[in-house]
C-alpha atoms as a PDB file:
ATOM      1  CA  UNK A   1      -2.405  18.283 -12.979  1.00  0.00           C
ATOM      2  CA  UNK A   2      -2.565  15.221 -15.245  1.00  0.00           C
ATOM      3  CA  UNK A   3      -1.014  11.776 -14.356  1.00  0.00           C
ATOM      4  CA  UNK A   4      -0.574   8.325 -15.971  1.00  0.00           C
ATOM      5  CA  UNK A   5      -0.860   5.324 -13.609  1.00  0.00           C
ATOM      6  CA  UNK A   6      -0.304   1.623 -13.935  1.00  0.00           C
ATOM      7  CA  UNK A   7       0.034  -1.395 -11.573  1.00  0.00           C
ATOM      8  CA  UNK A   8       0.898  -5.080 -11.601  1.00  0.00           C
ATOM      9  CA  UNK A   9       0.637  -7.967  -9.112  1.00  0.00           C
ATOM     10  CA  UNK A  10       2.532 -10.830  -9.166  1.00  0.00           C
ATOM     11  CA  UNK A  11       2.407 -14.362  -6.919  1.00  0.00           C
ATOM     12  CA  UNK A  12       6.245 -14.659  -6.778  1.00  0.00           C
ATOM     13  CA  UNK A  13       7.929 -17.958  -6.700  1.00  0.00           C
ATOM     14  CA  UNK A  14       7.283 -19.605  -3.460  1.00  0.00           C
ATOM     15  CA  UNK A  15       3.909 -18.568  -2.266  1.00  0.00           C
ATOM     16  CA  UNK A  16       1.139 -20.801  -3.587  1.00  0.00           C
ATOM     17  CA  UNK A  17      -1.352 -18.294  -4.114  1.00  0.00           C
ATOM     18  CA  UNK A  18      -1.606 -14.308  -4.517  1.00  0.00           C
ATOM     19  CA  UNK A  19      -3.392 -12.876  -1.356  1.00  0.00           C
ATOM     20  CA  UNK A  20      -2.357  -8.748  -2.610  1.00  0.00           C
ATOM     21  CA  UNK A  21      -4.644  -6.579  -4.331  1.00  0.00           C
ATOM     22  CA  UNK A  22      -4.586  -2.956  -5.881  1.00  0.00           C
ATOM     23  CA  UNK A  23      -6.705   0.008  -6.371  1.00  0.00           C
ATOM     24  CA  UNK A  24      -5.999   1.676  -9.997  1.00  0.00           C
ATOM     25  CA  UNK A  25      -8.732   4.616 -10.537  1.00  0.00           C
ATOM     26  CA  UNK A  26      -6.268   7.105 -12.105  1.00  0.00           C
ATOM     27  CA  UNK A  27      -9.845   9.167 -13.520  1.00  0.00           C
ATOM     28  CA  UNK A  28     -10.428   9.940  -9.629  1.00  0.00           C
ATOM     29  CA  UNK A  29      -6.656  10.278  -8.613  1.00  0.00           C
ATOM     30  CA  UNK A  30      -7.252   7.127  -6.241  1.00  0.00           C
ATOM     31  CA  UNK A  31      -4.573   4.075  -5.861  1.00  0.00           C
ATOM     32  CA  UNK A  32      -3.957   1.909  -3.294  1.00  0.00           C
ATOM     33  CA  UNK A  33      -2.173  -1.426  -2.320  1.00  0.00           C
ATOM     34  CA  UNK A  34      -3.273  -4.223   0.353  1.00  0.00           C
ATOM     35  CA  UNK A  35      -1.346  -7.078   1.182  1.00  0.00           C
ATOM     36  CA  UNK A  36      -3.508  -9.692   2.834  1.00  0.00           C
ATOM     37  CA  UNK A  37      -2.726 -11.891   5.745  1.00  0.00           C
ATOM     38  CA  UNK A  38      -4.294 -15.208   7.315  1.00  0.00           C
ATOM     39  CA  UNK A  39      -3.420 -17.585   4.873  1.00  0.00           C
ATOM     40  CA  UNK A  40      -4.729 -18.126   1.508  1.00  0.00           C
ATOM     41  CA  UNK A  41      -8.656 -17.602   1.487  1.00  0.00           C
ATOM     42  CA  UNK A  42      -8.224 -15.188   4.356  1.00  0.00           C
ATOM     43  CA  UNK A  43      -5.608 -12.718   3.195  1.00  0.00           C
ATOM     44  CA  UNK A  44      -7.257 -12.839  -0.268  1.00  0.00           C
ATOM     45  CA  UNK A  45     -10.572 -11.780   1.099  1.00  0.00           C
ATOM     46  CA  UNK A  46      -9.219  -9.413   3.404  1.00  0.00           C
ATOM     47  CA  UNK A  47      -7.375  -7.354   0.765  1.00  0.00           C
ATOM     48  CA  UNK A  48     -10.270  -7.631  -1.690  1.00  0.00           C
ATOM     49  CA  UNK A  49     -12.410  -5.959   0.919  1.00  0.00           C
ATOM     50  CA  UNK A  50     -10.408  -3.342   1.975  1.00  0.00           C
ATOM     51  CA  UNK A  51      -9.874  -2.087  -1.563  1.00  0.00           C
ATOM     52  CA  UNK A  52     -13.406  -2.960  -2.515  1.00  0.00           C
ATOM     53  CA  UNK A  53     -14.800  -0.883   0.564  1.00  0.00           C
ATOM     54  CA  UNK A  54     -12.694   2.031   0.089  1.00  0.00           C
ATOM     55  CA  UNK A  55     -13.222   2.675  -3.841  1.00  0.00           C
ATOM     56  CA  UNK A  56     -17.126   2.482  -3.077  1.00  0.00           C
ATOM     57  CA  UNK A  57     -17.085   5.217  -0.435  1.00  0.00           C
ATOM     58  CA  UNK A  58     -14.500   7.291  -1.759  1.00  0.00           C
ATOM     59  CA  UNK A  59     -15.757   6.988  -5.368  1.00  0.00           C
ATOM     60  CA  UNK A  60     -18.929   8.452  -3.820  1.00  0.00           C
ATOM     61  CA  UNK A  61     -21.234   5.413  -4.525  1.00  0.00           C
ATOM     62  CA  UNK A  62     -22.038   4.822  -0.931  1.00  0.00           C
ATOM     63  CA  UNK A  63     -25.210   6.183   0.227  1.00  0.00           C
ATOM     64  CA  UNK A  64     -24.144   6.121   3.416  1.00  0.00           C
ATOM     65  CA  UNK A  65     -21.048   8.302   3.094  1.00  0.00           C
ATOM     66  CA  UNK A  66     -23.506  11.238   3.341  1.00  0.00           C
ATOM     67  CA  UNK A  67     -21.803  14.693   3.597  1.00  0.00           C
ATOM     68  CA  UNK A  68     -18.243  14.585   2.638  1.00  0.00           C
ATOM     69  CA  UNK A  69     -15.920  15.332   5.429  1.00  0.00           C
ATOM     70  CA  UNK A  70     -12.047  17.119   4.735  1.00  0.00           C
ATOM     71  CA  UNK A  71     -10.125  15.073   2.279  1.00  0.00           C
ATOM     72  CA  UNK A  72      -7.973  13.584   4.814  1.00  0.00           C
ATOM     73  CA  UNK A  73     -10.431  12.440   7.374  1.00  0.00           C
ATOM     74  CA  UNK A  74     -12.491  11.016   4.294  1.00  0.00           C
ATOM     75  CA  UNK A  75      -9.619   8.622   3.663  1.00  0.00           C
ATOM     76  CA  UNK A  76      -9.591   7.579   7.225  1.00  0.00           C
ATOM     77  CA  UNK A  77     -13.037   7.031   7.167  1.00  0.00           C
ATOM     78  CA  UNK A  78     -12.681   5.052   4.287  1.00  0.00           C
ATOM     79  CA  UNK A  79     -10.194   2.974   5.801  1.00  0.00           C
ATOM     80  CA  UNK A  80     -11.919   2.279   9.011  1.00  0.00           C
ATOM     81  CA  UNK A  81     -15.223   1.190   7.288  1.00  0.00           C
ATOM     82  CA  UNK A  82     -13.098  -1.418   5.832  1.00  0.00           C
ATOM     83  CA  UNK A  83     -11.791  -2.458   8.674  1.00  0.00           C
ATOM     84  CA  UNK A  84     -14.993  -3.122  10.179  1.00  0.00           C
ATOM     85  CA  UNK A  85     -16.406  -4.876   6.998  1.00  0.00           C
ATOM     86  CA  UNK A  86     -13.571  -7.052   7.245  1.00  0.00           C
ATOM     87  CA  UNK A  87     -14.280  -7.784  11.245  1.00  0.00           C
ATOM     88  CA  UNK A  88     -17.799  -8.117  10.278  1.00  0.00           C
ATOM     89  CA  UNK A  89     -17.229 -10.688   7.279  1.00  0.00           C
ATOM     90  CA  UNK A  90     -14.583 -12.648   9.805  1.00  0.00           C
ATOM     91  CA  UNK A  91     -17.486 -12.994  12.559  1.00  0.00           C
ATOM     92  CA  UNK A  92     -19.869 -14.338   9.710  1.00  0.00           C
ATOM     93  CA  UNK A  93     -17.428 -16.773   8.669  1.00  0.00           C
ATOM     94  CA  UNK A  94     -15.346 -18.813  10.950  1.00  0.00           C
ATOM     95  CA  UNK A  95     -13.077 -20.076   8.102  1.00  0.00           C
ATOM     96  CA  UNK A  96     -11.725 -16.441   7.592  1.00  0.00           C
ATOM     97  CA  UNK A  97     -11.108 -16.018  11.641  1.00  0.00           C
ATOM     98  CA  UNK A  98      -8.016 -13.799  12.044  1.00  0.00           C
ATOM     99  CA  UNK A  99      -7.857 -12.479   8.371  1.00  0.00           C
ATOM    100  CA  UNK A 100      -6.327  -9.194   7.876  1.00  0.00           C
ATOM    101  CA  UNK A 101      -4.685  -6.965   5.476  1.00  0.00           C
ATOM    102  CA  UNK A 102      -2.463  -3.782   5.230  1.00  0.00           C
ATOM    103  CA  UNK A 103      -3.646  -0.898   3.036  1.00  0.00           C
ATOM    104  CA  UNK A 104      -1.904   2.334   1.755  1.00  0.00           C
ATOM    105  CA  UNK A 105      -3.799   4.584  -0.153  1.00  0.00           C
ATOM    106  CA  UNK A 106      -3.127   7.787  -2.472  1.00  0.00           C
ATOM    107  CA  UNK A 107      -5.381  10.360  -3.337  1.00  0.00           C
ATOM    108  CA  UNK A 108      -4.082  13.043  -5.995  1.00  0.00           C
ATOM    109  CA  UNK A 109      -5.902  16.341  -5.377  1.00  0.00           C
ATOM    110  CA  UNK A 110      -5.326  18.568  -8.671  1.00  0.00           C
ATOM    111  CA  UNK A 111      -7.025  21.411  -7.413  1.00  0.00           C
ATOM    112  CA  UNK A 112      -4.753  21.853  -4.466  1.00  0.00           C
ATOM    113  CA  UNK A 113      -1.681  20.367  -6.562  1.00  0.00           C
ATOM    114  CA  UNK A 114      -1.609  17.950  -3.332  1.00  0.00           C
ATOM    115  CA  UNK A 115      -1.171  14.222  -2.490  1.00  0.00           C
ATOM    116  CA  UNK A 116      -2.771  12.519   0.732  1.00  0.00           C
ATOM    117  CA  UNK A 117      -1.522   9.063   1.927  1.00  0.00           C
ATOM    118  CA  UNK A 118      -3.489   7.079   4.259  1.00  0.00           C
ATOM    119  CA  UNK A 119      -1.908   3.871   5.804  1.00  0.00           C
ATOM    120  CA  UNK A 120      -1.673   1.254   8.012  1.00  0.00           C
ATOM    121  CA  UNK A 121       0.680  -1.777   7.977  1.00  0.00           C
ATOM    122  CA  UNK A 122       3.867  -2.655   6.065  1.00  0.00           C
ATOM    123  CA  UNK A 123       2.999  -1.569   2.652  1.00  0.00           C
ATOM    124  CA  UNK A 124       4.568   1.458   1.793  1.00  0.00           C
ATOM    125  CA  UNK A 125       4.599   4.718  -0.537  1.00  0.00           C
ATOM    126  CA  UNK A 126       7.652   6.126  -2.191  1.00  0.00           C
ATOM    127  CA  UNK A 127       8.084   9.369  -3.977  1.00  0.00           C
ATOM    128  CA  UNK A 128      10.728   9.485  -6.822  1.00  0.00           C
ATOM    129  CA  UNK A 129      11.568  13.266  -7.622  1.00  0.00           C
ATOM    130  CA  UNK A 130      14.418  15.222  -9.038  1.00  0.00           C
ATOM    131  CA  UNK A 131      16.508  11.812  -8.863  1.00  0.00           C
ATOM    132  CA  UNK A 132      15.852  11.699  -5.187  1.00  0.00           C
ATOM    133  CA  UNK A 133      13.933   8.317  -3.676  1.00  0.00           C
ATOM    134  CA  UNK A 134      12.065   9.103  -0.457  1.00  0.00           C
ATOM    135  CA  UNK A 135       9.859   6.710   1.803  1.00  0.00           C
ATOM    136  CA  UNK A 136       6.411   8.818   2.790  1.00  0.00           C
ATOM    137  CA  UNK A 137       5.480   5.631   5.124  1.00  0.00           C
ATOM    138  CA  UNK A 138       6.499   4.455   8.334  1.00  0.00           C
ATOM    139  CA  UNK A 139       6.339   0.516   8.493  1.00  0.00           C
ATOM    140  CA  UNK A 140       3.801  -0.669  11.138  1.00  0.00           C
ATOM    141  CA  UNK A 141       5.898  -3.488  12.705  1.00  0.00           C
ATOM    142  CA  UNK A 142       8.279  -4.826  15.684  1.00  0.00           C
ATOM    143  CA  UNK A 143      11.450  -3.935  13.639  1.00  0.00           C
ATOM    144  CA  UNK A 144      10.748  -0.289  12.835  1.00  0.00           C
ATOM    145  CA  UNK A 145       9.533  -0.037  16.831  1.00  0.00           C
ATOM    146  CA  UNK A 146      12.896  -1.170  17.843  1.00  0.00           C
ATOM    147  CA  UNK A 147      14.736   1.017  15.203  1.00  0.00           C
ATOM    148  CA  UNK A 148      12.610   4.066  16.630  1.00  0.00           C
ATOM    149  CA  UNK A 149      13.750   3.047  20.181  1.00  0.00           C
ATOM    150  CA  UNK A 150      17.289   2.986  19.149  1.00  0.00           C
ATOM    151  CA  UNK A 151      17.685  -0.980  19.453  1.00  0.00           C
ATOM    152  CA  UNK A 152      18.053  -2.153  15.803  1.00  0.00           C
ATOM    153  CA  UNK A 153      19.949  -0.426  13.141  1.00  0.00           C
ATOM    154  CA  UNK A 154      18.060   0.231  10.351  1.00  0.00           C
ATOM    155  CA  UNK A 155      20.489  -1.094   7.955  1.00  0.00           C
ATOM    156  CA  UNK A 156      20.165  -4.567   9.538  1.00  0.00           C
ATOM    157  CA  UNK A 157      16.177  -4.289   9.308  1.00  0.00           C
ATOM    158  CA  UNK A 158      15.587  -5.924   6.136  1.00  0.00           C
ATOM    159  CA  UNK A 159      15.248  -9.662   6.467  1.00  0.00           C
ATOM    160  CA  UNK A 160      14.990  -9.208  10.515  1.00  0.00           C
ATOM    161  CA  UNK A 161      12.283 -11.866  12.110  1.00  0.00           C
ATOM    162  CA  UNK A 162      11.104  -8.563  13.546  1.00  0.00           C
ATOM    163  CA  UNK A 163      10.294  -7.130  10.195  1.00  0.00           C
ATOM    164  CA  UNK A 164       7.506  -9.539   9.704  1.00  0.00           C
ATOM    165  CA  UNK A 165       5.364  -8.988  12.795  1.00  0.00           C
ATOM    166  CA  UNK A 166       3.041  -6.305  12.363  1.00  0.00           C
ATOM    167  CA  UNK A 167       1.809  -3.930  15.059  1.00  0.00           C
ATOM    168  CA  UNK A 168      -1.096  -2.808  12.963  1.00  0.00           C
ATOM    169  CA  UNK A 169      -3.390  -4.315  10.256  1.00  0.00           C
ATOM    170  CA  UNK A 170      -6.918  -3.911   9.531  1.00  0.00           C
ATOM    171  CA  UNK A 171      -9.143  -6.512  10.684  1.00  0.00           C
ATOM    172  CA  UNK A 172      -6.644  -7.670  13.372  1.00  0.00           C
ATOM    173  CA  UNK A 173      -8.480  -5.839  16.332  1.00  0.00           C
ATOM    174  CA  UNK A 174     -11.689  -5.271  17.370  1.00  0.00           C
ATOM    175  CA  UNK A 175     -11.147  -1.518  18.037  1.00  0.00           C
ATOM    176  CA  UNK A 176     -10.618   0.890  15.496  1.00  0.00           C
ATOM    177  CA  UNK A 177      -7.019   0.826  13.995  1.00  0.00           C
ATOM    178  CA  UNK A 178      -4.821   4.166  14.267  1.00  0.00           C
ATOM    179  CA  UNK A 179      -4.570   5.647  10.415  1.00  0.00           C
ATOM    180  CA  UNK A 180      -1.372   7.341   9.626  1.00  0.00           C
ATOM    181  CA  UNK A 181      -2.389  10.192   7.494  1.00  0.00           C
ATOM    182  CA  UNK A 182       0.788  12.064   5.319  1.00  0.00           C
ATOM    183  CA  UNK A 183       0.000  14.771   2.458  1.00  0.00           C
ATOM    184  CA  UNK A 184       2.783  17.173   0.658  1.00  0.00           C
ATOM    185  CA  UNK A 185       2.767  19.190  -2.215  1.00  0.00           C
ATOM    186  CA  UNK A 186       2.824  17.392  -5.968  1.00  0.00           C
ATOM    187  CA  UNK A 187       5.404  18.665  -8.626  1.00  0.00           C
ATOM    188  CA  UNK A 188       5.850  18.047 -12.418  1.00  0.00           C
ATOM    189  CA  UNK A 189       7.517  14.533 -13.243  1.00  0.00           C
ATOM    190  CA  UNK A 190       6.705  13.352  -9.583  1.00  0.00           C
ATOM    191  CA  UNK A 191       6.801   9.574  -9.763  1.00  0.00           C
ATOM    192  CA  UNK A 192       5.105   7.847  -6.560  1.00  0.00           C
ATOM    193  CA  UNK A 193       5.540   4.068  -5.850  1.00  0.00           C
ATOM    194  CA  UNK A 194       2.842   2.134  -3.810  1.00  0.00           C
ATOM    195  CA  UNK A 195       4.286  -1.238  -3.202  1.00  0.00           C
ATOM    196  CA  UNK A 196       3.730  -4.597  -0.749  1.00  0.00           C
ATOM    197  CA  UNK A 197       6.371  -6.236   1.311  1.00  0.00           C
ATOM    198  CA  UNK A 198       6.931  -8.395  -1.525  1.00  0.00           C
ATOM    199  CA  UNK A 199       8.983  -5.978  -3.235  1.00  0.00           C
ATOM    200  CA  UNK A 200      10.634  -4.230  -0.316  1.00  0.00           C
ATOM    201  CA  UNK A 201      11.590  -6.953   1.685  1.00  0.00           C
ATOM    202  CA  UNK A 202      14.335  -7.986  -1.479  1.00  0.00           C
ATOM    203  CA  UNK A 203      14.972  -4.762  -3.191  1.00  0.00           C
ATOM    204  CA  UNK A 204      16.316  -1.858  -1.177  1.00  0.00           C
ATOM    205  CA  UNK A 205      16.155   2.187  -2.175  1.00  0.00           C
ATOM    206  CA  UNK A 206      18.939   1.932  -4.485  1.00  0.00           C
ATOM    207  CA  UNK A 207      17.475  -0.796  -6.374  1.00  0.00           C
ATOM    208  CA  UNK A 208      14.252   1.028  -6.598  1.00  0.00           C
ATOM    209  CA  UNK A 209      15.847   4.153  -7.331  1.00  0.00           C
ATOM    210  CA  UNK A 210      17.777   2.196 -10.007  1.00  0.00           C
ATOM    211  CA  UNK A 211      14.741   1.061 -12.247  1.00  0.00           C
ATOM    212  CA  UNK A 212      12.466   3.747 -11.450  1.00  0.00           C
ATOM    213  CA  UNK A 213      14.885   6.434 -12.863  1.00  0.00           C
ATOM    214  CA  UNK A 214      14.608   4.804 -16.139  1.00  0.00           C
ATOM    215  CA  UNK A 215      12.837   6.805 -18.805  1.00  0.00           C
ATOM    216  CA  UNK A 216      10.417   4.130 -19.670  1.00  0.00           C
ATOM    217  CA  UNK A 217       6.495   3.615 -19.857  1.00  0.00           C
ATOM    218  CA  UNK A 218       5.163   2.963 -16.585  1.00  0.00           C
ATOM    219  CA  UNK A 219       3.611  -0.561 -17.394  1.00  0.00           C
ATOM    220  CA  UNK A 220       7.586  -1.397 -18.290  1.00  0.00           C
ATOM    221  CA  UNK A 221       8.837  -0.003 -15.008  1.00  0.00           C
ATOM    222  CA  UNK A 222       6.383  -1.942 -13.105  1.00  0.00           C
ATOM    223  CA  UNK A 223       7.363  -5.037 -14.927  1.00  0.00           C
ATOM    224  CA  UNK A 224      10.955  -4.555 -14.298  1.00  0.00           C
ATOM    225  CA  UNK A 225      10.088  -4.249 -10.833  1.00  0.00           C
ATOM    226  CA  UNK A 226       8.566  -7.794 -10.623  1.00  0.00           C
ATOM    227  CA  UNK A 227      10.983  -9.181 -12.477  1.00  0.00           C
ATOM    228  CA  UNK A 228      13.973  -7.991  -9.828  1.00  0.00           C
ATOM    229  CA  UNK A 229      12.004  -9.217  -7.099  1.00  0.00           C
ATOM    230  CA  UNK A 230      11.755 -12.726  -8.664  1.00  0.00           C
ATOM    231  CA  UNK A 231      15.232 -12.809  -9.481  1.00  0.00           C
ATOM    232  CA  UNK A 232      16.011 -12.344  -5.962  1.00  0.00           C
ATOM    233  CA  UNK A 233      14.096 -15.383  -5.027  1.00  0.00           C
ATOM    234  CA  UNK A 234      10.250 -13.820  -4.912  1.00  0.00           C
ATOM    235  CA  UNK A 235       9.335 -15.018  -1.401  1.00  0.00           C
ATOM    236  CA  UNK A 236       6.239 -13.279  -1.114  1.00  0.00           C
ATOM    237  CA  UNK A 237       3.473 -11.511  -3.490  1.00  0.00           C
ATOM    238  CA  UNK A 238       4.535  -8.824  -5.494  1.00  0.00           C
ATOM    239  CA  UNK A 239       2.576  -5.796  -6.269  1.00  0.00           C
ATOM    240  CA  UNK A 240       3.186  -2.326  -7.306  1.00  0.00           C
ATOM    241  CA  UNK A 241       1.332   0.813  -8.555  1.00  0.00           C
ATOM    242  CA  UNK A 242       2.976   3.444 -10.197  1.00  0.00           C
ATOM    243  CA  UNK A 243       1.691   7.242 -10.760  1.00  0.00           C
ATOM    244  CA  UNK A 244       3.498   9.669 -12.517  1.00  0.00           C
ATOM    245  CA  UNK A 245       2.373  13.284 -12.840  1.00  0.00           C
ATOM    246  CA  UNK A 246       2.973  14.967 -16.335  1.00  0.00           C
ATOM    247  CA  UNK A 247       5.680  17.139 -16.523  1.00  0.00           C
END
């Protein structure tokens, strides 16, 4: 099983700085998107710390990693380590108090022909397979909670004030954060998209499917996603990571 990957990040048209970060390690089958919270200084630091920490641990260069637990638990442990590191940094530097980040992490396992996703926040993971686009993650927002309770129509969730209020994020609670784990089979020609809400806040699933369905290089598709989001106003930072499994 082989794959190709590309990533892009853009400030958007309304934010003064870019607080998003991403991980692109096709050699290890590791990919991630993090969307920082807490203002320019804090958000940028939090998302960068999250990406740096999970890469160090999952790449095996952290001597504290020790014996590796099962794959899903290993992803969760790496995210929890990032959460604690963000808390420690904020405690050491008062100017960073309150910073946090989302994190959506994808790991491909060629031996098992499987994918695993670990997820906290509202950055998303999608899978385009045989022309059908599936959302693999669940947003950790008050809007999604209201949808689950039957109090909010999913069609009205985009742009709703509650869609911007996170119920989970790294660095925003003293106790360990709950991490969603998702896994499934990988098939030839699968296309994964990891993205921050600067993309999905303005583009719906039909928009994403129309762009991702193009038989183009991943770099071109990523650029088209950013362009489309900016044409809708680009109200937030925009980050997209694309991973295509070879047919």
